[in-house]
C-alpha atoms as a PDB file:
ATOM      1  CA  MET A   1     -97.320  80.117 153.661  1.00  0.00           C
ATOM      2  CA  ARG A   2     -95.108  77.759 151.683  1.00  0.00           C
ATOM      3  CA  ASP A   3     -91.693  76.258 152.228  1.00  0.00           C
ATOM      4  CA  GLN A   4     -88.769  76.430 149.815  1.00  0.00           C
ATOM      5  CA  TYR A   5     -90.103  73.376 147.965  1.00  0.00           C
ATOM      6  CA  GLY A   6     -93.525  74.891 147.394  1.00  0.00           C
ATOM      7  CA  ARG A   7     -95.409  72.823 149.956  1.00  0.00           C
ATOM      8  CA  GLU A   8     -98.296  74.728 151.519  1.00  0.00           C
ATOM      9  CA  LEU A   9     -98.119  74.766 155.325  1.00  0.00           C
ATOM     10  CA  VAL A  10    -101.585  74.535 156.839  1.00  0.00           C
ATOM     11  CA  ASP A  11    -101.121  72.209 159.830  1.00  0.00           C
ATOM     12  CA  LEU A  12     -99.479  73.163 163.140  1.00  0.00           C
ATOM     13  CA  ARG A  13     -98.890  70.575 165.825  1.00  0.00           C
ATOM     14  CA  VAL A  14     -98.460  72.128 169.250  1.00  0.00           C
ATOM     15  CA  SER A  15     -96.884  70.210 172.119  1.00  0.00           C
ATOM     16  CA  LEU A  16     -98.398  71.412 175.391  1.00  0.00           C
ATOM     17  CA  THR A  17     -96.028  69.580 177.737  1.00  0.00           C
ATOM     18  CA  ASP A  18     -93.139  67.147 177.799  1.00  0.00           C
ATOM     19  CA  ARG A  19     -94.800  65.214 180.632  1.00  0.00           C
ATOM     20  CA  CYS A  20     -96.909  62.085 180.312  1.00  0.00           C
ATOM     21  CA  ASN A  21     -98.818  59.726 182.590  1.00  0.00           C
ATOM     22  CA  LEU A  22     -97.553  56.703 180.616  1.00  0.00           C
ATOM     23  CA  ARG A  23     -94.017  55.610 179.655  1.00  0.00           C
ATOM     24  CA  CYS A  24     -94.409  53.855 176.307  1.00  0.00           C
ATOM     25  CA  VAL A  25     -91.393  51.845 175.154  1.00  0.00           C
ATOM     26  CA  TYR A  26     -91.105  53.568 171.752  1.00  0.00           C
ATOM     27  CA  CYS A  27     -91.570  57.067 173.141  1.00  0.00           C
ATOM     28  CA  MET A  28     -89.506  57.338 176.323  1.00  0.00           C
ATOM     29  CA  PRO A  29     -86.351  55.573 177.565  1.00  0.00           C
ATOM     30  CA  ALA A  30     -86.852  53.190 180.497  1.00  0.00           C
ATOM     31  CA  LYS A  31     -84.971  55.506 182.863  1.00  0.00           C
ATOM     32  CA  GLY A  32     -87.240  58.394 181.877  1.00  0.00           C
ATOM     33  CA  ILE A  33     -86.189  61.883 180.810  1.00  0.00           C
ATOM     34  CA  ALA A  34     -85.384  65.136 182.586  1.00  0.00           C
ATOM     35  CA  PHE A  35     -88.561  67.184 182.359  1.00  0.00           C
ATOM     36  CA  ARG A  36     -88.164  70.900 181.883  1.00  0.00           C
ATOM     37  CA  PRO A  37     -89.329  73.260 184.651  1.00  0.00           C
ATOM     38  CA  PRO A  38     -92.747  74.773 183.843  1.00  0.00           C
ATOM     39  CA  ALA A  39     -91.227  78.252 183.540  1.00  0.00           C
ATOM     40  CA  GLU A  40     -89.144  77.049 180.576  1.00  0.00           C
ATOM     41  CA  LEU A  41     -92.247  75.926 178.680  1.00  0.00           C
ATOM     42  CA  LEU A  42     -94.604  78.037 176.619  1.00  0.00           C
ATOM     43  CA  GLN A  43     -97.331  79.655 178.700  1.00  0.00           C
ATOM     44  CA  ASP A  44    -100.946  79.811 177.527  1.00  0.00           C
ATOM     45  CA  GLU A  45    -100.748  83.383 176.272  1.00  0.00           C
ATOM     46  CA  GLU A  46     -97.530  82.582 174.375  1.00  0.00           C
ATOM     47  CA  ILE A  47     -99.118  79.555 172.727  1.00  0.00           C
ATOM     48  CA  LEU A  48    -102.139  81.600 171.676  1.00  0.00           C
ATOM     49  CA  LEU A  49     -99.939  84.366 170.258  1.00  0.00           C
ATOM     50  CA  LEU A  50     -97.881  81.931 168.184  1.00  0.00           C
ATOM     51  CA  ILE A  51    -100.996  80.163 166.913  1.00  0.00           C
ATOM     52  CA  ARG A  52    -102.473  83.528 165.946  1.00  0.00           C
ATOM     53  CA  ILE A  53     -99.284  84.290 163.984  1.00  0.00           C
ATOM     54  CA  ALA A  54     -99.472  80.876 162.327  1.00  0.00           C
ATOM     55  CA  ALA A  55    -103.116  81.443 161.396  1.00  0.00           C
ATOM     56  CA  GLU A  56    -102.310  84.805 159.816  1.00  0.00           C
ATOM     57  CA  LEU A  57     -99.623  83.042 157.778  1.00  0.00           C
ATOM     58  CA  GLY A  58    -102.049  80.406 156.524  1.00  0.00           C
ATOM     59  CA  VAL A  59    -102.296  77.632 159.124  1.00  0.00           C
ATOM     60  CA  ARG A  60    -105.853  76.296 159.339  1.00  0.00           C
ATOM     61  CA  LYS A  61    -105.476  73.167 161.467  1.00  0.00           C
ATOM     62  CA  VAL A  62    -104.086  72.859 164.982  1.00  0.00           C
ATOM     63  CA  ARG A  63    -103.370  69.554 166.677  1.00  0.00           C
ATOM     64  CA  LEU A  64    -102.514  69.515 170.379  1.00  0.00           C
ATOM     65  CA  THR A  65     -99.931  66.939 171.443  1.00  0.00           C
ATOM     66  CA  GLY A  66     -97.529  66.288 174.282  1.00  0.00           C
ATOM     67  CA  GLY A  67     -96.079  64.404 176.032  1.00  0.00           C
ATOM     68  CA  GLU A  68     -99.650  63.872 177.023  1.00  0.00           C
ATOM     69  CA  PRO A  69    -101.608  67.090 176.373  1.00  0.00           C
ATOM     70  CA  THR A  70    -104.451  66.324 178.780  1.00  0.00           C
ATOM     71  CA  VAL A  71    -102.118  66.539 181.802  1.00  0.00           C
ATOM     72  CA  ARG A  72    -101.565  70.247 181.139  1.00  0.00           C
ATOM     73  CA  PRO A  73    -103.580  72.357 183.596  1.00  0.00           C
ATOM     74  CA  GLY A  74    -106.198  74.539 181.954  1.00  0.00           C
ATOM     75  CA  ILE A  75    -106.348  72.645 178.674  1.00  0.00           C
ATOM     76  CA  VAL A  76    -110.094  73.280 178.285  1.00  0.00           C
ATOM     77  CA  ASP A  77    -109.630  77.054 178.505  1.00  0.00           C
ATOM     78  CA  LEU A  78    -106.690  76.832 176.109  1.00  0.00           C
ATOM     79  CA  VAL A  79    -108.830  75.024 173.518  1.00  0.00           C
ATOM     80  CA  SER A  80    -111.468  77.720 173.929  1.00  0.00           C
ATOM     81  CA  GLY A  81    -108.819  80.371 173.283  1.00  0.00           C
ATOM     82  CA  ILE A  82    -107.615  78.614 170.139  1.00  0.00           C
ATOM     83  CA  ARG A  83    -111.188  78.310 168.874  1.00  0.00           C
ATOM     84  CA  ALA A  84    -111.497  82.106 169.074  1.00  0.00           C
ATOM     85  CA  ILE A  85    -108.522  82.690 166.743  1.00  0.00           C
ATOM     86  CA  PRO A  86    -109.684  83.764 163.258  1.00  0.00           C
ATOM     87  CA  GLY A  87    -108.702  81.329 160.521  1.00  0.00           C
ATOM     88  CA  ILE A  88    -108.406  78.191 162.655  1.00  0.00           C
ATOM     89  CA  ARG A  89    -110.963  75.780 161.243  1.00  0.00           C
ATOM     90  CA  ASP A  90    -110.024  72.511 162.893  1.00  0.00           C
ATOM     91  CA  ILE A  91    -108.718  71.673 166.372  1.00  0.00           C
ATOM     92  CA  ALA A  92    -107.715  68.126 167.180  1.00  0.00           C
ATOM     93  CA  ILE A  93    -105.827  66.384 169.941  1.00  0.00           C
ATOM     94  CA  THR A  94    -103.579  63.334 170.085  1.00  0.00           C
ATOM     95  CA  THR A  95    -103.927  61.676 173.470  1.00  0.00           C
ATOM     96  CA  ASN A  96    -103.360  58.396 175.261  1.00  0.00           C
ATOM     97  CA  GLY A  97    -106.979  58.597 176.434  1.00  0.00           C
ATOM     98  CA  ILE A  98    -106.259  58.017 180.118  1.00  0.00           C
ATOM     99  CA  LEU A  99    -107.972  61.250 181.228  1.00  0.00           C
ATOM    100  CA  LEU A 100    -110.433  61.514 178.366  1.00  0.00           C
ATOM    101  CA  GLU A 101    -113.357  59.935 180.216  1.00  0.00           C
ATOM    102  CA  HIS A 102    -113.741  63.180 182.192  1.00  0.00           C
ATOM    103  CA  LEU A 103    -112.344  65.665 179.672  1.00  0.00           C
ATOM    104  CA  ALA A 104    -114.041  64.656 176.416  1.00  0.00           C
ATOM    105  CA  GLU A 105    -117.293  66.537 177.000  1.00  0.00           C
ATOM    106  CA  PRO A 106    -115.688  69.769 178.340  1.00  0.00           C
ATOM    107  CA  LEU A 107    -113.188  69.771 175.464  1.00  0.00           C
ATOM    108  CA  ALA A 108    -115.956  69.306 172.913  1.00  0.00           C
ATOM    109  CA  ARG A 109    -117.888  72.220 174.415  1.00  0.00           C
ATOM    110  CA  ALA A 110    -114.729  74.360 174.284  1.00  0.00           C
ATOM    111  CA  GLY A 111    -114.377  73.773 170.548  1.00  0.00           C
ATOM    112  CA  LEU A 112    -112.330  70.609 170.055  1.00  0.00           C
ATOM    113  CA  ASN A 113    -113.316  68.850 166.828  1.00  0.00           C
ATOM    114  CA  ARG A 114    -111.563  65.496 166.800  1.00  0.00           C
ATOM    115  CA  VAL A 115    -109.377  63.073 168.737  1.00  0.00           C
ATOM    116  CA  ASN A 116    -106.629  60.611 167.893  1.00  0.00           C
ATOM    117  CA  ILE A 117    -106.203  58.088 170.696  1.00  0.00           C
ATOM    118  CA  SER A 118    -103.234  55.774 171.152  1.00  0.00           C
ATOM    119  CA  LEU A 119    -104.278  52.131 171.420  1.00  0.00           C
ATOM    120  CA  ASP A 120    -101.470  49.661 170.751  1.00  0.00           C
ATOM    121  CA  THR A 121    -103.218  46.493 171.917  1.00  0.00           C
ATOM    122  CA  LEU A 122    -106.472  45.168 173.371  1.00  0.00           C
ATOM    123  CA  ASP A 123    -104.626  42.842 175.719  1.00  0.00           C
ATOM    124  CA  PRO A 124    -104.497  44.401 179.217  1.00  0.00           C
ATOM    125  CA  GLU A 125    -101.217  42.703 180.160  1.00  0.00           C
ATOM    126  CA  LYS A 126     -99.489  43.667 176.918  1.00  0.00           C
ATOM    127  CA  PHE A 127    -100.812  47.192 177.359  1.00  0.00           C
ATOM    128  CA  ARG A 128     -99.180  47.387 180.786  1.00  0.00           C
ATOM    129  CA  LYS A 129     -95.931  46.128 179.268  1.00  0.00           C
ATOM    130  CA  ILE A 130     -95.899  48.571 176.338  1.00  0.00           C
ATOM    131  CA  THR A 131     -96.902  51.565 178.469  1.00  0.00           C
ATOM    132  CA  ARG A 132     -94.926  50.459 181.535  1.00  0.00           C
ATOM    133  CA  GLY A 133     -97.925  50.342 183.832  1.00  0.00           C
ATOM    134  CA  GLY A 134    -100.949  51.764 181.992  1.00  0.00           C
ATOM    135  CA  ASP A 135    -104.564  50.683 182.540  1.00  0.00           C
ATOM    136  CA  LEU A 136    -106.269  49.662 179.284  1.00  0.00           C
ATOM    137  CA  GLN A 137    -109.768  50.035 180.731  1.00  0.00           C
ATOM    138  CA  ARG A 138    -109.251  53.749 181.311  1.00  0.00           C
ATOM    139  CA  VAL A 139    -108.334  54.186 177.651  1.00  0.00           C
ATOM    140  CA  LEU A 140    -111.395  52.245 176.489  1.00  0.00           C
ATOM    141  CA  ALA A 141    -113.579  54.415 178.737  1.00  0.00           C
ATOM    142  CA  GLY A 142    -111.959  57.498 177.217  1.00  0.00           C
ATOM    143  CA  ILE A 143    -112.708  56.298 173.680  1.00  0.00           C
ATOM    144  CA  GLU A 144    -116.346  55.775 174.582  1.00  0.00           C
ATOM    145  CA  ALA A 145    -116.533  59.224 176.194  1.00  0.00           C
ATOM    146  CA  ALA A 146    -115.055  60.814 173.069  1.00  0.00           C
ATOM    147  CA  SER A 147    -117.639  59.066 170.912  1.00  0.00           C
ATOM    148  CA  GLN A 148    -120.467  60.205 173.169  1.00  0.00           C
ATOM    149  CA  ALA A 149    -119.148  63.777 173.052  1.00  0.00           C
ATOM    150  CA  GLY A 150    -119.182  63.781 169.251  1.00  0.00           C
ATOM    151  CA  LEU A 151    -115.391  64.074 168.853  1.00  0.00           C
ATOM    152  CA  GLU A 152    -115.409  62.259 165.544  1.00  0.00           C
ATOM    153  CA  PRO A 153    -114.107  60.786 163.370  1.00  0.00           C
ATOM    154  CA  ILE A 154    -112.256  58.877 166.077  1.00  0.00           C
ATOM    155  CA  LYS A 155    -108.851  57.625 164.998  1.00  0.00           C
ATOM    156  CA  LEU A 156    -107.005  54.995 166.996  1.00  0.00           C
ATOM    157  CA  ASN A 157    -103.216  54.962 166.611  1.00  0.00           C
ATOM    158  CA  ALA A 158    -101.232  51.757 167.069  1.00  0.00           C
ATOM    159  CA  VAL A 159     -97.442  51.932 166.877  1.00  0.00           C
ATOM    160  CA  VAL A 160     -96.417  48.390 165.935  1.00  0.00           C
ATOM    161  CA  VAL A 161     -93.313  47.078 167.706  1.00  0.00           C
ATOM    162  CA  ARG A 162     -92.027  43.556 167.132  1.00  0.00           C
ATOM    163  CA  GLY A 163     -92.243  41.406 170.213  1.00  0.00           C
ATOM    164  CA  PHE A 164     -94.747  43.717 171.892  1.00  0.00           C
ATOM    165  CA  ASN A 165     -97.903  43.997 169.787  1.00  0.00           C
ATOM    166  CA  ASP A 166     -97.205  42.778 166.252  1.00  0.00           C
ATOM    167  CA  GLU A 167     -99.458  39.765 166.845  1.00  0.00           C
ATOM    168  CA  ASP A 168    -102.349  42.017 167.924  1.00  0.00           C
ATOM    169  CA  VAL A 169    -102.916  43.940 164.696  1.00  0.00           C
ATOM    170  CA  ALA A 170    -105.809  41.805 163.410  1.00  0.00           C
ATOM    171  CA  ASP A 171    -107.673  42.182 166.723  1.00  0.00           C
ATOM    172  CA  LEU A 172    -107.264  45.959 166.493  1.00  0.00           C
ATOM    173  CA  ALA A 173    -108.386  45.964 162.857  1.00  0.00           C
ATOM    174  CA  ALA A 174    -111.548  44.123 163.918  1.00  0.00           C
ATOM    175  CA  LEU A 175    -112.650  47.230 165.829  1.00  0.00           C
ATOM    176  CA  THR A 176    -113.585  48.744 162.461  1.00  0.00           C
ATOM    177  CA  LEU A 177    -116.071  46.007 161.605  1.00  0.00           C
ATOM    178  CA  ASP A 178    -119.029  47.563 163.451  1.00  0.00           C
ATOM    179  CA  ARG A 179    -117.688  50.989 164.434  1.00  0.00           C
ATOM    180  CA  PRO A 180    -117.080  54.006 162.166  1.00  0.00           C
ATOM    181  CA  TRP A 181    -113.533  54.405 163.465  1.00  0.00           C
ATOM    182  CA  GLU A 182    -110.186  54.490 161.688  1.00  0.00           C
ATOM    183  CA  VAL A 183    -107.564  52.208 163.193  1.00  0.00           C
ATOM    184  CA  ARG A 184    -104.135  53.354 162.028  1.00  0.00           C
ATOM    185  CA  PHE A 185    -100.993  51.241 162.165  1.00  0.00           C
ATOM    186  CA  ILE A 186     -97.805  53.308 162.412  1.00  0.00           C
ATOM    187  CA  GLU A 187     -94.257  52.186 161.782  1.00  0.00           C
ATOM    188  CA  ALA A 188     -92.092  52.885 164.835  1.00  0.00           C
ATOM    189  CA  MET A 189     -89.694  55.788 164.288  1.00  0.00           C
ATOM    190  CA  PRO A 190     -86.152  55.985 165.731  1.00  0.00           C
ATOM    191  CA  PHE A 191     -85.230  58.920 167.974  1.00  0.00           C
ATOM    192  CA  GLY A 192     -82.214  59.611 170.150  1.00  0.00           C
ATOM    193  CA  SER A 193     -81.755  57.253 173.088  1.00  0.00           C
ATOM    194  CA  VAL A 194     -84.533  54.853 171.966  1.00  0.00           C
ATOM    195  CA  ALA A 195     -83.338  54.652 168.343  1.00  0.00           C
ATOM    196  CA  GLY A 196     -81.541  51.319 168.689  1.00  0.00           C
ATOM    197  CA  PHE A 197     -84.491  49.647 170.385  1.00  0.00           C
ATOM    198  CA  VAL A 198     -86.971  51.039 167.869  1.00  0.00           C
ATOM    199  CA  GLU A 199     -84.946  50.062 164.816  1.00  0.00           C
ATOM    200  CA  LYS A 200     -84.797  46.460 166.005  1.00  0.00           C
ATOM    201  CA  GLY A 201     -88.552  46.498 166.552  1.00  0.00           C
ATOM    202  CA  VAL A 202     -89.760  48.096 163.318  1.00  0.00           C
ATOM    203  CA  VAL A 203     -92.572  46.133 161.670  1.00  0.00           C
ATOM    204  CA  LYS A 204     -93.145  47.249 158.094  1.00  0.00           C
ATOM    205  CA  SER A 205     -96.651  48.228 157.051  1.00  0.00           C
ATOM    206  CA  GLU A 206     -96.578  45.502 154.393  1.00  0.00           C
ATOM    207  CA  GLU A 207     -96.226  42.868 157.106  1.00  0.00           C
ATOM    208  CA  VAL A 208     -99.005  44.416 159.193  1.00  0.00           C
ATOM    209  CA  ARG A 209    -101.336  44.431 156.208  1.00  0.00           C
ATOM    210  CA  ALA A 210    -100.489  40.797 155.433  1.00  0.00           C
ATOM    211  CA  ARG A 211    -101.343  39.768 159.000  1.00  0.00           C
ATOM    212  CA  ILE A 212    -104.723  41.517 158.762  1.00  0.00           C
ATOM    213  CA  GLU A 213    -105.496  39.991 155.368  1.00  0.00           C
ATOM    214  CA  GLU A 214    -104.710  36.526 156.737  1.00  0.00           C
ATOM    215  CA  ARG A 215    -107.830  36.871 158.887  1.00  0.00           C
ATOM    216  CA  PHE A 216    -110.135  39.088 156.837  1.00  0.00           C
ATOM    217  CA  GLY A 217    -109.112  38.581 153.215  1.00  0.00           C
ATOM    218  CA  SER A 218    -108.011  41.267 150.783  1.00  0.00           C
ATOM    219  CA  LEU A 219    -108.529  44.834 151.988  1.00  0.00           C
ATOM    220  CA  GLU A 220    -110.429  47.282 149.792  1.00  0.00           C
ATOM    221  CA  PRO A 221    -108.535  50.515 148.955  1.00  0.00           C
ATOM    222  CA  VAL A 222    -110.214  53.715 150.178  1.00  0.00           C
ATOM    223  CA  ASP A 223    -107.620  56.489 149.733  1.00  0.00           C
ATOM    224  CA  LEU A 224    -104.109  55.896 148.408  1.00  0.00           C
ATOM    225  CA  SER A 225    -103.601  59.455 147.148  1.00  0.00           C
ATOM    226  CA  GLY A 226    -100.908  60.384 149.664  1.00  0.00           C
ATOM    227  CA  GLU A 227    -102.676  63.651 150.494  1.00  0.00           C
ATOM    228  CA  THR A 228    -102.683  62.524 154.135  1.00  0.00           C
ATOM    229  CA  PRO A 229    -100.048  60.433 155.939  1.00  0.00           C
ATOM    230  CA  ALA A 230    -102.293  57.354 156.071  1.00  0.00           C
ATOM    231  CA  ARG A 231    -103.048  55.098 153.134  1.00  0.00           C
ATOM    232  CA  THR A 232    -106.520  53.830 153.990  1.00  0.00           C
ATOM    233  CA  TYR A 233    -108.325  50.569 153.315  1.00  0.00           C
ATOM    234  CA  ARG A 234    -111.468  48.813 154.470  1.00  0.00           C
ATOM    235  CA  ILE A 235    -112.251  45.254 155.462  1.00  0.00           C
ATOM    236  CA  PRO A 236    -115.081  44.254 153.076  1.00  0.00           C
ATOM    237  CA  GLY A 237    -118.382  45.210 154.690  1.00  0.00           C
ATOM    238  CA  ALA A 238    -116.795  47.070 157.626  1.00  0.00           C
ATOM    239  CA  ARG A 239    -118.140  50.410 158.880  1.00  0.00           C
ATOM    240  CA  GLY A 240    -114.720  51.841 159.657  1.00  0.00           C
ATOM    241  CA  GLU A 241    -111.364  52.060 157.927  1.00  0.00           C
ATOM    242  CA  ILE A 242    -107.792  50.869 158.415  1.00  0.00           C
ATOM    243  CA  GLY A 243    -104.863  53.198 157.832  1.00  0.00           C
ATOM    244  CA  PHE A 244    -101.175  52.505 157.331  1.00  0.00           C
ATOM    245  CA  ILE A 245     -98.658  55.231 158.150  1.00  0.00           C
ATOM    246  CA  SER A 246     -95.219  54.248 156.880  1.00  0.00           C
ATOM    247  CA  PRO A 247     -92.652  56.975 157.589  1.00  0.00           C
ATOM    248  CA  VAL A 248     -89.777  54.479 157.449  1.00  0.00           C
ATOM    249  CA  THR A 249     -90.600  52.398 154.359  1.00  0.00           C
ATOM    250  CA  GLN A 250     -92.874  54.741 152.386  1.00  0.00           C
ATOM    251  CA  PRO A 251     -92.094  58.354 153.362  1.00  0.00           C
ATOM    252  CA  PHE A 252     -94.732  60.975 152.573  1.00  0.00           C
ATOM    253  CA  CYS A 253     -92.408  63.980 152.861  1.00  0.00           C
ATOM    254  CA  SER A 254     -93.210  65.361 149.387  1.00  0.00           C
ATOM    255  CA  LYS A 255     -96.766  66.224 150.479  1.00  0.00           C
ATOM    256  CA  CYS A 256     -96.146  67.058 154.117  1.00  0.00           C
ATOM    257  CA  GLY A 257     -97.641  70.413 155.156  1.00  0.00           C
ATOM    258  CA  ARG A 258     -96.926  70.214 158.881  1.00  0.00           C
ATOM    259  CA  LEU A 259     -94.960  72.280 161.338  1.00  0.00           C
ATOM    260  CA  ARG A 260     -94.405  71.383 164.993  1.00  0.00           C
ATOM    261  CA  LEU A 261     -94.144  73.712 167.965  1.00  0.00           C
ATOM    262  CA  THR A 262     -92.435  72.038 170.906  1.00  0.00           C
ATOM    263  CA  ALA A 263     -93.467  72.657 174.485  1.00  0.00           C
ATOM    264  CA  ASP A 264     -90.256  74.627 175.077  1.00  0.00           C
ATOM    265  CA  GLY A 265     -90.961  76.979 172.205  1.00  0.00           C
ATOM    266  CA  LYS A 266     -88.995  75.581 169.275  1.00  0.00           C
ATOM    267  CA  LEU A 267     -90.461  75.451 165.786  1.00  0.00           C
ATOM    268  CA  ARG A 268     -89.448  71.993 164.595  1.00  0.00           C
ATOM    269  CA  LEU A 269     -89.352  71.897 160.826  1.00  0.00           C
ATOM    270  CA  CYS A 270     -89.433  68.123 160.326  1.00  0.00           C
ATOM    271  CA  LEU A 271     -90.441  65.439 162.795  1.00  0.00           C
ATOM    272  CA  LEU A 272     -87.437  63.284 161.889  1.00  0.00           C
ATOM    273  CA  ARG A 273     -84.758  65.992 161.660  1.00  0.00           C
ATOM    274  CA  ASP A 274     -83.213  68.032 164.454  1.00  0.00           C
ATOM    275  CA  ASP A 275     -83.493  71.397 162.669  1.00  0.00           C
ATOM    276  CA  GLU A 276     -85.401  73.825 164.909  1.00  0.00           C
ATOM    277  CA  GLU A 277     -85.972  77.557 165.283  1.00  0.00           C
ATOM    278  CA  ASP A 278     -86.108  79.051 168.773  1.00  0.00           C
ATOM    279  CA  LEU A 279     -89.253  81.165 169.113  1.00  0.00           C
ATOM    280  CA  LEU A 280     -89.461  81.387 172.886  1.00  0.00           C
ATOM    281  CA  THR A 281     -86.226  83.342 173.392  1.00  0.00           C
ATOM    282  CA  PRO A 282     -87.014  86.265 171.057  1.00  0.00           C
ATOM    283  CA  LEU A 283     -90.601  86.302 172.301  1.00  0.00           C
ATOM    284  CA  ARG A 284     -89.520  86.703 175.919  1.00  0.00           C
ATOM    285  CA  ARG A 285     -86.844  89.235 174.988  1.00  0.00           C
ATOM    286  CA  GLY A 286     -89.560  91.524 173.706  1.00  0.00           C
ATOM    287  CA  ALA A 287     -89.625  90.936 169.957  1.00  0.00           C
ATOM    288  CA  SER A 288     -92.605  92.659 168.380  1.00  0.00           C
ATOM    289  CA  TYR A 289     -95.538  90.782 166.896  1.00  0.00           C
ATOM    290  CA  GLU A 290     -94.357  91.551 163.357  1.00  0.00           C
ATOM    291  CA  GLU A 291     -90.806  90.472 164.201  1.00  0.00           C
ATOM    292  CA  MET A 292     -92.095  87.169 165.543  1.00  0.00           C
ATOM    293  CA  LYS A 293     -94.174  86.724 162.417  1.00  0.00           C
ATOM    294  CA  THR A 294     -91.086  87.251 160.255  1.00  0.00           C
ATOM    295  CA  ILE A 295     -89.032  84.765 162.292  1.00  0.00           C
ATOM    296  CA  PHE A 296     -91.816  82.182 162.080  1.00  0.00           C
ATOM    297  CA  ALA A 297     -92.276  82.531 158.323  1.00  0.00           C
ATOM    298  CA  ALA A 298     -88.543  82.508 157.568  1.00  0.00           C
ATOM    299  CA  ALA A 299     -88.030  79.309 159.579  1.00  0.00           C
ATOM    300  CA  ALA A 300     -90.998  77.631 157.937  1.00  0.00           C
ATOM    301  CA  TYR A 301     -89.651  78.520 154.497  1.00  0.00           C
ATOM    302  CA  ARG A 302     -86.382  76.633 155.076  1.00  0.00           C
ATOM    303  CA  ARG A 303     -88.013  73.302 155.890  1.00  0.00           C
ATOM    304  CA  PRO A 304     -85.912  70.387 154.604  1.00  0.00           C
ATOM    305  CA  VAL A 305     -87.053  68.303 151.674  1.00  0.00           C
ATOM    306  CA  GLY A 306     -87.651  65.371 154.004  1.00  0.00           C
ATOM    307  CA  HIS A 307     -86.083  63.076 156.550  1.00  0.00           C
ATOM    308  CA  ALA A 308     -82.950  61.049 155.900  1.00  0.00           C
ATOM    309  CA  LEU A 309     -83.520  57.752 157.685  1.00  0.00           C
ATOM    310  CA  ALA A 310     -82.385  55.896 154.576  1.00  0.00           C
ATOM    311  CA  GLU A 311     -78.996  57.597 154.979  1.00  0.00           C
ATOM    312  CA  ARG A 312     -78.902  56.638 158.682  1.00  0.00           C
ATOM    313  CA  LEU A 313     -79.365  60.243 159.823  1.00  0.00           C
ATOM    314  CA  ILE A 314     -81.371  59.662 162.980  1.00  0.00           C
ATOM    315  CA  PRO A 315     -82.602  62.629 165.062  1.00  0.00           C
ATOM    316  CA  GLN A 316     -80.695  62.778 168.340  1.00  0.00           C
ATOM    317  CA  LYS A 317     -81.787  65.935 170.189  1.00  0.00           C
ATOM    318  CA  ARG A 318     -85.140  64.660 171.389  1.00  0.00           C
ATOM    319  CA  VAL A 319     -87.178  61.510 171.887  1.00  0.00           C
ATOM    320  CA  MET A 320     -90.794  61.418 170.744  1.00  0.00           C
ATOM    321  CA  ILE A 321     -92.268  62.560 174.050  1.00  0.00           C
ATOM    322  CA  GLN A 322     -90.316  65.828 173.700  1.00  0.00           C
ATOM    323  CA  ILE A 323     -91.674  66.514 170.209  1.00  0.00           C
ATOM    324  CA  GLY A 324     -95.297  65.432 170.209  1.00  0.00           C
ATOM    325  CA  GLY A 325     -95.514  63.413 166.993  1.00  0.00           C
END
């Protein structure tokens, strides 16, 4: 499966819910959002059908997102169902880690391969501020549980926001010194009602790297190919790696092979554009399997060339929690 620009589409990111047990400043407005009723969200059998269609079209990787995917009831059984779909080689999850202490082992047994865990700071008070009330120790316990369950390589995602955690990046980078983890620093992305706040808080990857090199010296390049979103480096002598994901200042659209399925059944063709294809409505109206496959492939083909943040075209329909990243 390729889009109109010839990019092969092998990665499907599936949002399991628009709900979350944290309220991060760059993801959700302070007043919250109106969550959709469960009946308006994709059910397990609908998710499995759409993933099976995607696999037949060439998707090989599935990443489960949210909101917070671990708050969805029955997530272990859902992972087991995805593992049984022919063609799916890799199942990962992006999580805030709050519930991972108890779910890591069951998820690994069900067939989950890897985890990405959000960790924006190692300062408990700053963590509460960024997440509007979260408990850092629960996340750290979740990371340890994931490591013990063999859900590796573990990647830790830090969205850097000026005035919140930009002074913490070197401490986070130090986690890679004696652990085989990848700590990834992500430029904050503007969406809808949080766009103004995020734009004011964007910290460019160049600045983050400079802060890290102030403490550890020049970083050693590991992979700058652009085949994945992160450009990776290593502190000399470290076991792990440091990644920089720069969607604002160094877009990687030309090599992006990702599609996103929102919790309410829309195929989102670009994270940072509002173009979507409704899959849930025809599915529930009785469209055949082959008809759904045609709709899916046709939507995927018309993916845009990339986002248009440079032209000040900021997605307005959803905030990050409603997409899944």
